Amino acid sequence: METHLDAVTLIDLIFLFVIAIFLGVELISKVPSILHTPLMSGSNAISGITVVGAILATGLTPGSVLATTLGTTAVAFATINVVGGYLVTDRMLGMFKTKSAQKSSEPKPGSGGAK
């Protein structure tokens, strides 16, 4: 299954990509730094859609080495983005735990970690 893009479609896709870059930079630069981490951690579900799209892009073009390479790279980067975002979210939410909640969730010394 080969797919070919005509020149008009390719130019439209490049134009859309460039507009998305400018819009993303403009939106991110307007967010105060105190809200940046909560907003980015909240968008991890949307980043999961990127993983699905990258998997589809990789699987729907089995004859194209370029599409397979780009799709595989997109899957890797999107997965790193999602996992990193969730790690940041977990760390951020850990800062809001009270001292007593943190102590009760930690294993007691000498107990071997079992509760």
PDB file of N, CA and C in Angstrom:
ATOM      1  N   MET A   1       0.854  -1.178   0.000  1.00  0.00           N
ATOM      2  CA  MET A   1       0.000   0.000   0.000  1.00  0.00           C
ATOM      3  C   MET A   1       0.899   1.240   0.000  1.00  0.00           C
ATOM      4  N   GLU A   2       0.959   1.905  -1.101  1.00  0.00           N
ATOM      5  CA  GLU A   2       1.756   3.130  -1.189  1.00  0.00           C
ATOM      6  C   GLU A   2       0.844   4.339  -1.219  1.00  0.00           C
ATOM      7  N   THR A   3       1.267   5.366  -0.544  1.00  0.00           N
ATOM      8  CA  THR A   3       0.521   6.616  -0.571  1.00  0.00           C
ATOM      9  C   THR A   3       1.457   7.707  -1.054  1.00  0.00           C
ATOM     10  N   HIS A   4       0.945   8.529  -1.925  1.00  0.00           N
ATOM     11  CA  HIS A   4       1.731   9.639  -2.457  1.00  0.00           C
ATOM     12  C   HIS A   4       0.999  10.936  -2.155  1.00  0.00           C
ATOM     13  N   LEU A   5       1.753  11.943  -1.765  1.00  0.00           N
ATOM     14  CA  LEU A   5       1.188  13.255  -1.517  1.00  0.00           C
ATOM     15  C   LEU A   5       1.451  14.136  -2.724  1.00  0.00           C
ATOM     16  N   ASP A   6       0.419  14.819  -3.167  1.00  0.00           N
ATOM     17  CA  ASP A   6       0.664  15.798  -4.225  1.00  0.00           C
ATOM     18  C   ASP A   6       1.244  17.063  -3.599  1.00  0.00           C
ATOM     19  N   ALA A   7       1.741  17.948  -4.428  1.00  0.00           N
ATOM     20  CA  ALA A   7       2.448  19.147  -3.952  1.00  0.00           C
ATOM     21  C   ALA A   7       1.542  20.052  -3.117  1.00  0.00           C
ATOM     22  N   VAL A   8       0.283  20.185  -3.511  1.00  0.00           N
ATOM     23  CA  VAL A   8      -0.638  21.069  -2.794  1.00  0.00           C
ATOM     24  C   VAL A   8      -0.901  20.533  -1.387  1.00  0.00           C
ATOM     25  N   THR A   9      -1.132  19.242  -1.269  1.00  0.00           N
ATOM     26  CA  THR A   9      -1.378  18.651   0.046  1.00  0.00           C
ATOM     27  C   THR A   9      -0.148  18.773   0.932  1.00  0.00           C
ATOM     28  N   LEU A  10       1.033  18.544   0.374  1.00  0.00           N
ATOM     29  CA  LEU A  10       2.265  18.656   1.150  1.00  0.00           C
ATOM     30  C   LEU A  10       2.470  20.082   1.649  1.00  0.00           C
ATOM     31  N   ILE A  11       2.218  21.058   0.796  1.00  0.00           N
ATOM     32  CA  ILE A  11       2.354  22.466   1.203  1.00  0.00           C
ATOM     33  C   ILE A  11       1.331  22.812   2.287  1.00  0.00           C
ATOM     34  N   ASP A  12       0.113  22.298   2.151  1.00  0.00           N
ATOM     35  CA  ASP A  12      -0.911  22.525   3.179  1.00  0.00           C
ATOM     36  C   ASP A  12      -0.499  21.930   4.521  1.00  0.00           C
ATOM     37  N   LEU A  13       0.056  20.724   4.496  1.00  0.00           N
ATOM     38  CA  LEU A  13       0.485  20.085   5.737  1.00  0.00           C
ATOM     39  C   LEU A  13       1.652  20.830   6.377  1.00  0.00           C
ATOM     40  N   ILE A  14       2.601  21.291   5.590  1.00  0.00           N
ATOM     41  CA  ILE A  14       3.734  22.059   6.119  1.00  0.00           C
ATOM     42  C   ILE A  14       3.236  23.379   6.706  1.00  0.00           C
ATOM     43  N   PHE A  15       2.301  24.035   6.005  1.00  0.00           N
ATOM     44  CA  PHE A  15       1.724  25.285   6.507  1.00  0.00           C
ATOM     45  C   PHE A  15       1.025  25.059   7.845  1.00  0.00           C
ATOM     46  N   LEU A  16       0.246  23.993   7.941  1.00  0.00           N
ATOM     47  CA  LEU A  16      -0.452  23.677   9.188  1.00  0.00           C
ATOM     48  C   LEU A  16       0.542  23.401  10.316  1.00  0.00           C
ATOM     49  N   PHE A  17       1.623  22.701  10.013  1.00  0.00           N
ATOM     50  CA  PHE A  17       2.646  22.402  11.008  1.00  0.00           C
ATOM     51  C   PHE A  17       3.317  23.678  11.520  1.00  0.00           C
ATOM     52  N   VAL A  18       3.645  24.588  10.623  1.00  0.00           N
ATOM     53  CA  VAL A  18       4.293  25.848  11.009  1.00  0.00           C
ATOM     54  C   VAL A  18       3.345  26.702  11.848  1.00  0.00           C
ATOM     55  N   ILE A  19       2.079  26.771  11.461  1.00  0.00           N
ATOM     56  CA  ILE A  19       1.092  27.525  12.244  1.00  0.00           C
ATOM     57  C   ILE A  19       0.945  26.922  13.643  1.00  0.00           C
ATOM     58  N   ALA A  20       0.951  25.586  13.743  1.00  0.00           N
ATOM     59  CA  ALA A  20       0.843  24.928  15.040  1.00  0.00           C
ATOM     60  C   ALA A  20       2.054  25.250  15.922  1.00  0.00           C
ATOM     61  N   ILE A  21       3.239  25.334  15.326  1.00  0.00           N
ATOM     62  CA  ILE A  21       4.440  25.690  16.085  1.00  0.00           C
ATOM     63  C   ILE A  21       4.312  27.105  16.637  1.00  0.00           C
ATOM     64  N   PHE A  22       3.931  28.060  15.782  1.00  0.00           N
ATOM     65  CA  PHE A  22       3.783  29.442  16.239  1.00  0.00           C
ATOM     66  C   PHE A  22       2.712  29.557  17.323  1.00  0.00           C
ATOM     67  N   LEU A  23       1.591  28.880  17.149  1.00  0.00           N
ATOM     68  CA  LEU A  23       0.521  28.920  18.137  1.00  0.00           C
ATOM     69  C   LEU A  23       0.983  28.318  19.464  1.00  0.00           C
ATOM     70  N   GLY A  24       1.693  27.188  19.414  1.00  0.00           N
ATOM     71  CA  GLY A  24       2.196  26.555  20.629  1.00  0.00           C
ATOM     72  C   GLY A  24       3.165  27.439  21.384  1.00  0.00           C
ATOM     73  N   VAL A  25       4.098  28.059  20.662  1.00  0.00           N
ATOM     74  CA  VAL A  25       5.071  28.945  21.300  1.00  0.00           C
ATOM     75  C   VAL A  25       4.358  30.138  21.924  1.00  0.00           C
ATOM     76  N   GLU A  26       3.406  30.685  21.231  1.00  0.00           N
ATOM     77  CA  GLU A  26       2.676  31.853  21.733  1.00  0.00           C
ATOM     78  C   GLU A  26       1.872  31.497  22.987  1.00  0.00           C
ATOM     79  N   LEU A  27       1.215  30.349  22.974  1.00  0.00           N
ATOM     80  CA  LEU A  27       0.415  29.951  24.142  1.00  0.00           C
ATOM     81  C   LEU A  27       1.293  29.629  25.346  1.00  0.00           C
ATOM     82  N   ILE A  28       2.367  28.898  25.134  1.00  0.00           N
ATOM     83  CA  ILE A  28       3.239  28.512  26.243  1.00  0.00           C
ATOM     84  C   ILE A  28       3.919  29.730  26.853  1.00  0.00           C
ATOM     85  N   SER A  29       4.290  30.696  26.018  1.00  0.00           N
ATOM     86  CA  SER A  29       4.982  31.873  26.557  1.00  0.00           C
ATOM     87  C   SER A  29       4.055  32.758  27.396  1.00  0.00           C
ATOM     88  N   LYS A  30       2.757  32.621  27.235  1.00  0.00           N
ATOM     89  CA  LYS A  30       1.801  33.428  28.001  1.00  0.00           C
ATOM     90  C   LYS A  30       1.419  32.791  29.328  1.00  0.00           C
ATOM     91  N   VAL A  31       1.810  31.538  29.555  1.00  0.00           N
ATOM     92  CA  VAL A  31       1.451  30.844  30.797  1.00  0.00           C
ATOM     93  C   VAL A  31       2.442  31.217  31.890  1.00  0.00           C
ATOM     94  N   PRO A  32       1.949  31.676  33.049  1.00  0.00           N
ATOM     95  CA  PRO A  32       2.873  31.981  34.146  1.00  0.00           C
ATOM     96  C   PRO A  32       3.598  30.708  34.612  1.00  0.00           C
ATOM     97  N   SER A  33       4.837  30.864  35.060  1.00  0.00           N
ATOM     98  CA  SER A  33       5.628  29.684  35.430  1.00  0.00           C
ATOM     99  C   SER A  33       5.016  28.883  36.564  1.00  0.00           C
ATOM    100  N   ILE A  34       4.238  29.503  37.428  1.00  0.00           N
ATOM    101  CA  ILE A  34       3.632  28.763  38.533  1.00  0.00           C
ATOM    102  C   ILE A  34       2.545  27.804  38.029  1.00  0.00           C
ATOM    103  N   LEU A  35       1.954  28.111  36.879  1.00  0.00           N
ATOM    104  CA  LEU A  35       0.903  27.239  36.329  1.00  0.00           C
ATOM    105  C   LEU A  35       1.427  26.275  35.272  1.00  0.00           C
ATOM    106  N   HIS A  36       2.665  26.407  34.883  1.00  0.00           N
ATOM    107  CA  HIS A  36       3.174  25.612  33.769  1.00  0.00           C
ATOM    108  C   HIS A  36       3.139  24.114  34.067  1.00  0.00           C
ATOM    109  N   THR A  37       3.633  23.693  35.219  1.00  0.00           N
ATOM    110  CA  THR A  37       3.677  22.267  35.536  1.00  0.00           C
ATOM    111  C   THR A  37       2.289  21.655  35.666  1.00  0.00           C
ATOM    112  N   PRO A  38       1.341  22.271  36.385  1.00  0.00           N
ATOM    113  CA  PRO A  38       0.003  21.661  36.440  1.00  0.00           C
ATOM    114  C   PRO A  38      -0.676  21.575  35.079  1.00  0.00           C
ATOM    115  N   LEU A  39      -0.513  22.586  34.249  1.00  0.00           N
ATOM    116  CA  LEU A  39      -1.139  22.535  32.931  1.00  0.00           C
ATOM    117  C   LEU A  39      -0.501  21.475  32.046  1.00  0.00           C
ATOM    118  N   MET A  40       0.811  21.365  32.118  1.00  0.00           N
ATOM    119  CA  MET A  40       1.484  20.371  31.284  1.00  0.00           C
ATOM    120  C   MET A  40       1.186  18.956  31.766  1.00  0.00           C
ATOM    121  N   SER A  41       1.092  18.769  33.062  1.00  0.00           N
ATOM    122  CA  SER A  41       0.778  17.429  33.558  1.00  0.00           C
ATOM    123  C   SER A  41      -0.664  17.054  33.216  1.00  0.00           C
ATOM    124  N   GLY A  42      -1.534  18.038  33.158  1.00  0.00           N
ATOM    125  CA  GLY A  42      -2.915  17.763  32.773  1.00  0.00           C
ATOM    126  C   GLY A  42      -3.079  17.412  31.316  1.00  0.00           C
ATOM    127  N   SER A  43      -2.129  17.787  30.502  1.00  0.00           N
ATOM    128  CA  SER A  43      -2.234  17.508  29.066  1.00  0.00           C
ATOM    129  C   SER A  43      -1.623  16.170  28.677  1.00  0.00           C
ATOM    130  N   ASN A  44      -1.235  15.350  29.647  1.00  0.00           N
ATOM    131  CA  ASN A  44      -0.639  14.057  29.321  1.00  0.00           C
ATOM    132  C   ASN A  44      -1.627  13.106  28.657  1.00  0.00           C
ATOM    133  N   ALA A  45      -2.891  13.219  28.972  1.00  0.00           N
ATOM    134  CA  ALA A  45      -3.880  12.372  28.306  1.00  0.00           C
ATOM    135  C   ALA A  45      -3.940  12.718  26.821  1.00  0.00           C
ATOM    136  N   ILE A  46      -3.812  13.986  26.508  1.00  0.00           N
ATOM    137  CA  ILE A  46      -3.806  14.405  25.111  1.00  0.00           C
ATOM    138  C   ILE A  46      -2.531  13.918  24.422  1.00  0.00           C
ATOM    139  N   SER A  47      -1.422  13.902  25.158  1.00  0.00           N
ATOM    140  CA  SER A  47      -0.177  13.399  24.584  1.00  0.00           C
ATOM    141  C   SER A  47      -0.269  11.910  24.292  1.00  0.00           C
ATOM    142  N   GLY A  48      -1.108  11.210  25.008  1.00  0.00           N
ATOM    143  CA  GLY A  48      -1.333   9.791  24.720  1.00  0.00           C
ATOM    144  C   GLY A  48      -1.927   9.583  23.343  1.00  0.00           C
ATOM    145  N   ILE A  49      -2.707  10.544  22.875  1.00  0.00           N
ATOM    146  CA  ILE A  49      -3.264  10.469  21.525  1.00  0.00           C
ATOM    147  C   ILE A  49      -2.144  10.528  20.497  1.00  0.00           C
ATOM    148  N   THR A  50      -1.079  11.256  20.806  1.00  0.00           N
ATOM    149  CA  THR A  50       0.076  11.324  19.916  1.00  0.00           C
ATOM    150  C   THR A  50       0.715   9.953  19.761  1.00  0.00           C
ATOM    151  N   VAL A  51       0.766   9.196  20.839  1.00  0.00           N
ATOM    152  CA  VAL A  51       1.325   7.845  20.770  1.00  0.00           C
ATOM    153  C   VAL A  51       0.478   6.982  19.834  1.00  0.00           C
ATOM    154  N   VAL A  52      -0.832   7.062  19.983  1.00  0.00           N
ATOM    155  CA  VAL A  52      -1.728   6.271  19.126  1.00  0.00           C
ATOM    156  C   VAL A  52      -1.570   6.680  17.660  1.00  0.00           C
ATOM    157  N   GLY A  53      -1.503   7.989  17.403  1.00  0.00           N
ATOM    158  CA  GLY A  53      -1.316   8.457  16.029  1.00  0.00           C
ATOM    159  C   GLY A  53       0.010   8.016  15.445  1.00  0.00           C
ATOM    160  N   ALA A  54       1.053   8.022  16.257  1.00  0.00           N
ATOM    161  CA  ALA A  54       2.368   7.588  15.774  1.00  0.00           C
ATOM    162  C   ALA A  54       2.374   6.096  15.476  1.00  0.00           C
ATOM    163  N   ILE A  55       1.685   5.314  16.294  1.00  0.00           N
ATOM    164  CA  ILE A  55       1.580   3.873  16.026  1.00  0.00           C
ATOM    165  C   ILE A  55       0.827   3.635  14.727  1.00  0.00           C
ATOM    166  N   LEU A  56      -0.249   4.391  14.523  1.00  0.00           N
ATOM    167  CA  LEU A  56      -1.005   4.261  13.273  1.00  0.00           C
ATOM    168  C   LEU A  56      -0.158   4.664  12.070  1.00  0.00           C
ATOM    169  N   ALA A  57       0.587   5.752  12.207  1.00  0.00           N
ATOM    170  CA  ALA A  57       1.441   6.201  11.104  1.00  0.00           C
ATOM    171  C   ALA A  57       2.502   5.166  10.772  1.00  0.00           C
ATOM    172  N   THR A  58       2.999   4.493  11.780  1.00  0.00           N
ATOM    173  CA  THR A  58       4.012   3.470  11.561  1.00  0.00           C
ATOM    174  C   THR A  58       3.409   2.237  10.902  1.00  0.00           C
ATOM    175  N   GLY A  59       2.240   1.821  11.360  1.00  0.00           N
ATOM    176  CA  GLY A  59       1.636   0.585  10.863  1.00  0.00           C
ATOM    177  C   GLY A  59       0.933   0.703   9.525  1.00  0.00           C
ATOM    178  N   LEU A  60       0.467   1.890   9.169  1.00  0.00           N
ATOM    179  CA  LEU A  60      -0.312   2.027   7.934  1.00  0.00           C
ATOM    180  C   LEU A  60       0.549   2.194   6.685  1.00  0.00           C
ATOM    181  N   THR A  61       1.844   2.326   6.859  1.00  0.00           N
ATOM    182  CA  THR A  61       2.737   2.474   5.701  1.00  0.00           C
ATOM    183  C   THR A  61       3.864   1.439   5.772  1.00  0.00           C
ATOM    184  N   PRO A  62       3.527   0.150   5.569  1.00  0.00           N
ATOM    185  CA  PRO A  62       4.542  -0.881   5.755  1.00  0.00           C
ATOM    186  C   PRO A  62       5.639  -0.883   4.686  1.00  0.00           C
ATOM    187  N   GLY A  63       5.379  -0.332   3.505  1.00  0.00           N
ATOM    188  CA  GLY A  63       6.384  -0.361   2.452  1.00  0.00           C
ATOM    189  C   GLY A  63       7.348   0.804   2.478  1.00  0.00           C
ATOM    190  N   SER A  64       7.048   1.826   3.258  1.00  0.00           N
ATOM    191  CA  SER A  64       7.850   3.039   3.271  1.00  0.00           C
ATOM    192  C   SER A  64       8.835   3.023   4.436  1.00  0.00           C
ATOM    193  N   VAL A  65      10.118   3.000   4.126  1.00  0.00           N
ATOM    194  CA  VAL A  65      11.142   3.001   5.168  1.00  0.00           C
ATOM    195  C   VAL A  65      11.141   4.335   5.909  1.00  0.00           C
ATOM    196  N   LEU A  66      10.966   5.436   5.178  1.00  0.00           N
ATOM    197  CA  LEU A  66      10.951   6.759   5.810  1.00  0.00           C
ATOM    198  C   LEU A  66       9.794   6.889   6.795  1.00  0.00           C
ATOM    199  N   ALA A  67       8.598   6.465   6.383  1.00  0.00           N
ATOM    200  CA  ALA A  67       7.431   6.575   7.264  1.00  0.00           C
ATOM    201  C   ALA A  67       7.584   5.672   8.485  1.00  0.00           C
ATOM    202  N   THR A  68       8.141   4.493   8.296  1.00  0.00           N
ATOM    203  CA  THR A  68       8.348   3.586   9.418  1.00  0.00           C
ATOM    204  C   THR A  68       9.365   4.156  10.403  1.00  0.00           C
ATOM    205  N   THR A  69      10.430   4.734   9.878  1.00  0.00           N
ATOM    206  CA  THR A  69      11.457   5.331  10.737  1.00  0.00           C
ATOM    207  C   THR A  69      10.899   6.533  11.495  1.00  0.00           C
ATOM    208  N   LEU A  70      10.215   7.419  10.798  1.00  0.00           N
ATOM    209  CA  LEU A  70       9.632   8.597  11.459  1.00  0.00           C
ATOM    210  C   LEU A  70       8.562   8.197  12.462  1.00  0.00           C
ATOM    211  N   GLY A  71       7.739   7.199  12.105  1.00  0.00           N
ATOM    212  CA  GLY A  71       6.699   6.739  13.025  1.00  0.00           C
ATOM    213  C   GLY A  71       7.272   6.118  14.281  1.00  0.00           C
ATOM    214  N   THR A  72       8.328   5.321  14.120  1.00  0.00           N
ATOM    215  CA  THR A  72       8.972   4.708  15.278  1.00  0.00           C
ATOM    216  C   THR A  72       9.611   5.764  16.174  1.00  0.00           C
ATOM    217  N   THR A  73      10.245   6.753  15.559  1.00  0.00           N
ATOM    218  CA  THR A  73      10.829   7.850  16.325  1.00  0.00           C
ATOM    219  C   THR A  73       9.740   8.633  17.060  1.00  0.00           C
ATOM    220  N   ALA A  74       8.616   8.862  16.382  1.00  0.00           N
ATOM    221  CA  ALA A  74       7.500   9.582  17.009  1.00  0.00           C
ATOM    222  C   ALA A  74       6.933   8.803  18.184  1.00  0.00           C
ATOM    223  N   VAL A  75       6.831   7.478  18.052  1.00  0.00           N
ATOM    224  CA  VAL A  75       6.344   6.655  19.166  1.00  0.00           C
ATOM    225  C   VAL A  75       7.283   6.778  20.361  1.00  0.00           C
ATOM    226  N   ALA A  76       8.584   6.712  20.102  1.00  0.00           N
ATOM    227  CA  ALA A  76       9.561   6.796  21.192  1.00  0.00           C
ATOM    228  C   ALA A  76       9.490   8.152  21.901  1.00  0.00           C
ATOM    229  N   PHE A  77       9.502   9.237  21.131  1.00  0.00           N
ATOM    230  CA  PHE A  77       9.481  10.571  21.744  1.00  0.00           C
ATOM    231  C   PHE A  77       8.158  10.846  22.461  1.00  0.00           C
ATOM    232  N   ALA A  78       7.047  10.434  21.885  1.00  0.00           N
ATOM    233  CA  ALA A  78       5.751  10.660  22.528  1.00  0.00           C
ATOM    234  C   ALA A  78       5.640   9.857  23.822  1.00  0.00           C
ATOM    235  N   THR A  79       6.183   8.647  23.824  1.00  0.00           N
ATOM    236  CA  THR A  79       6.156   7.831  25.039  1.00  0.00           C
ATOM    237  C   THR A  79       7.013   8.462  26.133  1.00  0.00           C
ATOM    238  N   ILE A  80       8.188   8.959  25.760  1.00  0.00           N
ATOM    239  CA  ILE A  80       9.040   9.654  26.730  1.00  0.00           C
ATOM    240  C   ILE A  80       8.314  10.874  27.296  1.00  0.00           C
ATOM    241  N   ASN A  81       7.599  11.599  26.434  1.00  0.00           N
ATOM    242  CA  ASN A  81       6.860  12.778  26.870  1.00  0.00           C
ATOM    243  C   ASN A  81       5.768  12.408  27.873  1.00  0.00           C
ATOM    244  N   VAL A  82       5.018  11.367  27.584  1.00  0.00           N
ATOM    245  CA  VAL A  82       3.920  10.969  28.469  1.00  0.00           C
ATOM    246  C   VAL A  82       4.461  10.466  29.810  1.00  0.00           C
ATOM    247  N   VAL A  83       5.457   9.578  29.770  1.00  0.00           N
ATOM    248  CA  VAL A  83       6.010   9.024  31.009  1.00  0.00           C
ATOM    249  C   VAL A  83       6.652  10.134  31.855  1.00  0.00           C
ATOM    250  N   GLY A  84       7.420  11.001  31.218  1.00  0.00           N
ATOM    251  CA  GLY A  84       8.041  12.115  31.945  1.00  0.00           C
ATOM    252  C   GLY A  84       7.006  13.035  32.556  1.00  0.00           C
ATOM    253  N   GLY A  85       5.936  13.285  31.840  1.00  0.00           N
ATOM    254  CA  GLY A  85       4.868  14.137  32.367  1.00  0.00           C
ATOM    255  C   GLY A  85       4.217  13.542  33.597  1.00  0.00           C
ATOM    256  N   TYR A  86       3.977  12.235  33.565  1.00  0.00           N
ATOM    257  CA  TYR A  86       3.375  11.595  34.733  1.00  0.00           C
ATOM    258  C   TYR A  86       4.347  11.560  35.914  1.00  0.00           C
ATOM    259  N   LEU A  87       5.635  11.406  35.657  1.00  0.00           N
ATOM    260  CA  LEU A  87       6.606  11.456  36.748  1.00  0.00           C
ATOM    261  C   LEU A  87       6.643  12.842  37.387  1.00  0.00           C
ATOM    262  N   VAL A  88       6.578  13.881  36.553  1.00  0.00           N
ATOM    263  CA  VAL A  88       6.550  15.252  37.080  1.00  0.00           C
ATOM    264  C   VAL A  88       5.272  15.474  37.879  1.00  0.00           C
ATOM    265  N   THR A  89       4.153  14.970  37.390  1.00  0.00           N
ATOM    266  CA  THR A  89       2.890  15.116  38.107  1.00  0.00           C
ATOM    267  C   THR A  89       2.945  14.430  39.458  1.00  0.00           C
ATOM    268  N   ASP A  90       3.493  13.209  39.486  1.00  0.00           N
ATOM    269  CA  ASP A  90       3.600  12.486  40.746  1.00  0.00           C
ATOM    270  C   ASP A  90       4.481  13.240  41.737  1.00  0.00           C
ATOM    271  N   ARG A  91       5.574  13.778  41.250  1.00  0.00           N
ATOM    272  CA  ARG A  91       6.475  14.537  42.135  1.00  0.00           C
ATOM    273  C   ARG A  91       5.794  15.813  42.635  1.00  0.00           C
ATOM    274  N   MET A  92       5.060  16.473  41.734  1.00  0.00           N
ATOM    275  CA  MET A  92       4.373  17.703  42.118  1.00  0.00           C
ATOM    276  C   MET A  92       3.283  17.414  43.160  1.00  0.00           C
ATOM    277  N   LEU A  93       2.518  16.348  42.950  1.00  0.00           N
ATOM    278  CA  LEU A  93       1.475  16.014  43.923  1.00  0.00           C
ATOM    279  C   LEU A  93       2.075  15.555  45.249  1.00  0.00           C
ATOM    280  N   GLY A  94       3.271  14.977  45.216  1.00  0.00           N
ATOM    281  CA  GLY A  94       3.945  14.573  46.444  1.00  0.00           C
ATOM    282  C   GLY A  94       4.309  15.760  47.315  1.00  0.00           C
ATOM    283  N   MET A  95       4.476  16.921  46.716  1.00  0.00           N
ATOM    284  CA  MET A  95       4.810  18.119  47.497  1.00  0.00           C
ATOM    285  C   MET A  95       3.625  18.602  48.330  1.00  0.00           C
ATOM    286  N   PHE A  96       2.413  18.175  47.986  1.00  0.00           N
ATOM    287  CA  PHE A  96       1.231  18.633  48.706  1.00  0.00           C
ATOM    288  C   PHE A  96       0.796  17.676  49.808  1.00  0.00           C
ATOM    289  N   LYS A  97       1.498  16.550  49.947  1.00  0.00           N
ATOM    290  CA  LYS A  97       1.160  15.610  51.013  1.00  0.00           C
ATOM    291  C   LYS A  97       1.622  16.170  52.347  1.00  0.00           C
ATOM    292  N   THR A  98       0.839  15.888  53.387  1.00  0.00           N
ATOM    293  CA  THR A  98       1.231  16.327  54.721  1.00  0.00           C
ATOM    294  C   THR A  98       2.304  15.393  55.265  1.00  0.00           C
ATOM    295  N   LYS A  99       2.999  15.832  56.302  1.00  0.00           N
ATOM    296  CA  LYS A  99       4.071  15.021  56.889  1.00  0.00           C
ATOM    297  C   LYS A  99       3.530  13.699  57.429  1.00  0.00           C
ATOM    298  N   SER A 100       2.349  13.715  58.063  1.00  0.00           N
ATOM    299  CA  SER A 100       1.800  12.482  58.640  1.00  0.00           C
ATOM    300  C   SER A 100       1.412  11.480  57.550  1.00  0.00           C
ATOM    301  N   ALA A 101       0.918  11.967  56.417  1.00  0.00           N
ATOM    302  CA  ALA A 101       0.556  11.067  55.326  1.00  0.00           C
ATOM    303  C   ALA A 101       1.798  10.447  54.704  1.00  0.00           C
ATOM    304  N   GLN A 102       2.889  11.201  54.644  1.00  0.00           N
ATOM    305  CA  GLN A 102       4.129  10.668  54.096  1.00  0.00           C
ATOM    306  C   GLN A 102       4.727   9.629  55.033  1.00  0.00           C
ATOM    307  N   LYS A 103       4.680   9.878  56.341  1.00  0.00           N
ATOM    308  CA  LYS A 103       5.259   8.940  57.297  1.00  0.00           C
ATOM    309  C   LYS A 103       4.463   7.640  57.344  1.00  0.00           C
ATOM    310  N   SER A 104       3.136   7.705  57.235  1.00  0.00           N
ATOM    311  CA  SER A 104       2.323   6.487  57.307  1.00  0.00           C
ATOM    312  C   SER A 104       2.482   5.631  56.061  1.00  0.00           C
ATOM    313  N   SER A 105       2.861   6.216  54.932  1.00  0.00           N
ATOM    314  CA  SER A 105       3.010   5.437  53.713  1.00  0.00           C
ATOM    315  C   SER A 105       4.410   4.842  53.574  1.00  0.00           C
ATOM    316  N   GLU A 106       5.373   5.324  54.380  1.00  0.00           N
ATOM    317  CA  GLU A 106       6.733   4.794  54.318  1.00  0.00           C
ATOM    318  C   GLU A 106       6.831   3.552  55.203  1.00  0.00           C
ATOM    319  N   PRO A 107       7.600   2.534  54.775  1.00  0.00           N
ATOM    320  CA  PRO A 107       7.759   1.351  55.637  1.00  0.00           C
ATOM    321  C   PRO A 107       8.574   1.692  56.889  1.00  0.00           C
ATOM    322  N   LYS A 108       8.225   1.060  57.998  1.00  0.00           N
ATOM    323  CA  LYS A 108       8.914   1.307  59.259  1.00  0.00           C
ATOM    324  C   LYS A 108      10.271   0.587  59.242  1.00  0.00           C
ATOM    325  N   PRO A 109      11.275   1.194  59.859  1.00  0.00           N
ATOM    326  CA  PRO A 109      12.587   0.539  59.903  1.00  0.00           C
ATOM    327  C   PRO A 109      12.500  -0.800  60.632  1.00  0.00           C
ATOM    328  N   GLY A 110      13.137  -1.823  60.063  1.00  0.00           N
ATOM    329  CA  GLY A 110      13.164  -3.135  60.686  1.00  0.00           C
ATOM    330  C   GLY A 110      11.977  -4.008  60.358  1.00  0.00           C
ATOM    331  N   SER A 111      10.980  -3.434  59.627  1.00  0.00           N
ATOM    332  CA  SER A 111       9.814  -4.229  59.295  1.00  0.00           C
ATOM    333  C   SER A 111       9.986  -4.969  57.971  1.00  0.00           C
ATOM    334  N   GLY A 112      11.074  -4.713  57.261  1.00  0.00           N
ATOM    335  CA  GLY A 112      11.321  -5.398  56.000  1.00  0.00           C
ATOM    336  C   GLY A 112      10.452  -4.888  54.875  1.00  0.00           C
ATOM    337  N   GLY A 113       9.787  -3.780  55.061  1.00  0.00           N
ATOM    338  CA  GLY A 113       8.975  -3.189  54.001  1.00  0.00           C
ATOM    339  C   GLY A 113       7.569  -3.753  53.951  1.00  0.00           C
ATOM    340  N   ALA A 114       7.252  -4.803  54.739  1.00  0.00           N
ATOM    341  CA  ALA A 114       5.914  -5.370  54.722  1.00  0.00           C
ATOM    342  C   ALA A 114       5.030  -4.617  55.695  1.00  0.00           C
ATOM    343  N   LYS A 115       3.783  -4.514  55.355  1.00  0.00           N
ATOM    344  CA  LYS A 115       2.830  -3.814  56.224  1.00  0.00           C
ATOM    345  C   LYS A 115       1.915  -4.796  56.905  1.00  0.00           C
TER     346      LYS A 115
END
